[in-house]
Amino acid sequence: MTQHVLAAAGWLNQGVDGFFLWIKNLGIKLQAAKAARETVKELSSLSDSELSDIGIPRGQIRYLAQQHYEEIVNKNLKGWV
């Protein structure tokens, strides 16, 4: 009987841990999305000559924001690939 109780407690604990990990990942993705939106907003506010000075064509703004998003979300993978 004790073994069944301990097994059920282990499953419950795994479910709770999984839920909190999901919440943590959701927070990271929301933070990354906000950073990507701010990147688009700031770069879009620059003139073409200012963008040219820093070497960014206007058509790459959204691509760079997406790269920034991926960098934040996948920060834990740096050094492994």
C-alpha atoms as a PDB file:
ATOM      1  CA  MET A   1       0.000   0.000   0.000  1.00  0.00           C
ATOM      2  CA  THR A   2       2.789   2.406   0.898  1.00  0.00           C
ATOM      3  CA  GLN A   3       4.422   1.822  -2.458  1.00  0.00           C
ATOM      4  CA  HIS A   4       1.233   2.856  -4.274  1.00  0.00           C
ATOM      5  CA  VAL A   5       0.928   6.016  -2.197  1.00  0.00           C
ATOM      6  CA  LEU A   6       4.545   6.929  -2.889  1.00  0.00           C
ATOM      7  CA  ALA A   7       4.102   6.264  -6.605  1.00  0.00           C
ATOM      8  CA  ALA A   8       1.007   8.483  -6.718  1.00  0.00           C
ATOM      9  CA  ALA A   9       2.841  11.216  -4.815  1.00  0.00           C
ATOM     10  CA  GLY A  10       5.705  10.997  -7.327  1.00  0.00           C
ATOM     11  CA  TRP A  11       3.331  11.390 -10.268  1.00  0.00           C
ATOM     12  CA  LEU A  12       1.657  14.339  -8.603  1.00  0.00           C
ATOM     13  CA  ASN A  13       5.018  15.940  -7.903  1.00  0.00           C
ATOM     14  CA  GLN A  14       6.073  15.492 -11.552  1.00  0.00           C
ATOM     15  CA  GLY A  15       2.844  17.109 -12.712  1.00  0.00           C
ATOM     16  CA  VAL A  16       3.323  20.094 -10.426  1.00  0.00           C
ATOM     17  CA  ASP A  17       6.959  20.472 -11.502  1.00  0.00           C
ATOM     18  CA  GLY A  18       5.896  20.305 -15.148  1.00  0.00           C
ATOM     19  CA  PHE A  19       3.254  22.967 -14.594  1.00  0.00           C
ATOM     20  CA  PHE A  20       5.728  25.359 -12.982  1.00  0.00           C
ATOM     21  CA  LEU A  21       8.249  24.719 -15.756  1.00  0.00           C
ATOM     22  CA  TRP A  22       5.534  25.568 -18.299  1.00  0.00           C
ATOM     23  CA  ILE A  23       4.765  28.811 -16.430  1.00  0.00           C
ATOM     24  CA  LYS A  24       8.479  29.690 -16.355  1.00  0.00           C
ATOM     25  CA  ASN A  25       8.855  29.043 -20.101  1.00  0.00           C
ATOM     26  CA  LEU A  26       5.752  31.109 -20.800  1.00  0.00           C
ATOM     27  CA  GLY A  27       7.269  34.016 -18.880  1.00  0.00           C
ATOM     28  CA  ILE A  28      10.504  33.747 -20.859  1.00  0.00           C
ATOM     29  CA  LYS A  29       8.598  33.720 -24.158  1.00  0.00           C
ATOM     30  CA  LEU A  30       6.530  36.747 -23.149  1.00  0.00           C
ATOM     31  CA  GLN A  31       9.701  38.609 -22.168  1.00  0.00           C
ATOM     32  CA  ALA A  32      11.304  37.676 -25.496  1.00  0.00           C
ATOM     33  CA  ALA A  33       8.229  38.792 -27.466  1.00  0.00           C
ATOM     34  CA  LYS A  34       8.266  42.138 -25.680  1.00  0.00           C
ATOM     35  CA  ALA A  35      11.966  42.580 -26.457  1.00  0.00           C
ATOM     36  CA  ALA A  36      11.341  41.730 -30.133  1.00  0.00           C
ATOM     37  CA  ARG A  37       8.498  44.283 -30.339  1.00  0.00           C
ATOM     38  CA  GLU A  38      10.719  46.942 -28.771  1.00  0.00           C
ATOM     39  CA  THR A  39      13.494  46.102 -31.238  1.00  0.00           C
ATOM     40  CA  VAL A  40      11.122  46.554 -34.189  1.00  0.00           C
ATOM     41  CA  LYS A  41       9.776  49.792 -32.724  1.00  0.00           C
ATOM     42  CA  GLU A  42      13.194  51.309 -32.076  1.00  0.00           C
ATOM     43  CA  LEU A  43      14.739  50.284 -35.401  1.00  0.00           C
ATOM     44  CA  SER A  44      11.658  51.348 -37.358  1.00  0.00           C
ATOM     45  CA  SER A  45      11.864  54.810 -35.833  1.00  0.00           C
ATOM     46  CA  LEU A  46      15.345  55.333 -37.337  1.00  0.00           C
ATOM     47  CA  SER A  47      15.754  57.010 -40.692  1.00  0.00           C
ATOM     48  CA  ASP A  48      17.148  55.156 -43.699  1.00  0.00           C
ATOM     49  CA  SER A  49      20.467  56.973 -43.390  1.00  0.00           C
ATOM     50  CA  GLU A  50      20.751  56.080 -39.684  1.00  0.00           C
ATOM     51  CA  LEU A  51      20.017  52.439 -40.460  1.00  0.00           C
ATOM     52  CA  SER A  52      22.566  52.556 -43.273  1.00  0.00           C
ATOM     53  CA  ASP A  53      25.154  53.920 -40.838  1.00  0.00           C
ATOM     54  CA  ILE A  54      24.775  50.885 -38.609  1.00  0.00           C
ATOM     55  CA  GLY A  55      24.600  48.519 -41.578  1.00  0.00           C
ATOM     56  CA  ILE A  56      20.979  47.390 -41.338  1.00  0.00           C
ATOM     57  CA  PRO A  57      18.680  47.489 -44.365  1.00  0.00           C
ATOM     58  CA  ARG A  58      15.082  48.395 -43.478  1.00  0.00           C
ATOM     59  CA  GLY A  59      13.864  45.055 -44.797  1.00  0.00           C
ATOM     60  CA  GLN A  60      15.865  43.168 -42.158  1.00  0.00           C
ATOM     61  CA  ILE A  61      14.305  44.808 -39.110  1.00  0.00           C
ATOM     62  CA  ARG A  62      11.747  42.055 -38.477  1.00  0.00           C
ATOM     63  CA  TYR A  63      14.345  39.365 -39.171  1.00  0.00           C
ATOM     64  CA  LEU A  64      16.684  40.889 -36.584  1.00  0.00           C
ATOM     65  CA  ALA A  65      13.839  41.124 -34.075  1.00  0.00           C
ATOM     66  CA  GLN A  66      13.053  37.437 -34.639  1.00  0.00           C
ATOM     67  CA  GLN A  67      16.717  36.576 -34.119  1.00  0.00           C
ATOM     68  CA  HIS A  68      16.652  38.561 -30.861  1.00  0.00           C
ATOM     69  CA  TYR A  69      13.560  36.595 -29.776  1.00  0.00           C
ATOM     70  CA  GLU A  70      15.222  33.260 -30.553  1.00  0.00           C
ATOM     71  CA  GLU A  71      18.359  34.348 -28.714  1.00  0.00           C
ATOM     72  CA  ILE A  72      16.395  35.052 -25.543  1.00  0.00           C
ATOM     73  CA  VAL A  73      14.231  31.927 -25.714  1.00  0.00           C
ATOM     74  CA  ASN A  74      17.147  29.601 -26.525  1.00  0.00           C
ATOM     75  CA  LYS A  75      19.669  31.235 -24.190  1.00  0.00           C
ATOM     76  CA  ASN A  76      20.106  27.938 -22.374  1.00  0.00           C
ATOM     77  CA  LEU A  77      21.439  26.268 -25.551  1.00  0.00           C
ATOM     78  CA  LYS A  78      24.464  28.549 -25.981  1.00  0.00           C
ATOM     79  CA  GLY A  79      27.696  26.641 -26.021  1.00  0.00           C
ATOM     80  CA  TRP A  80      26.090  23.286 -26.788  1.00  0.00           C
ATOM     81  CA  VAL A  81      25.594  23.507 -30.512  1.00  0.00           C
END
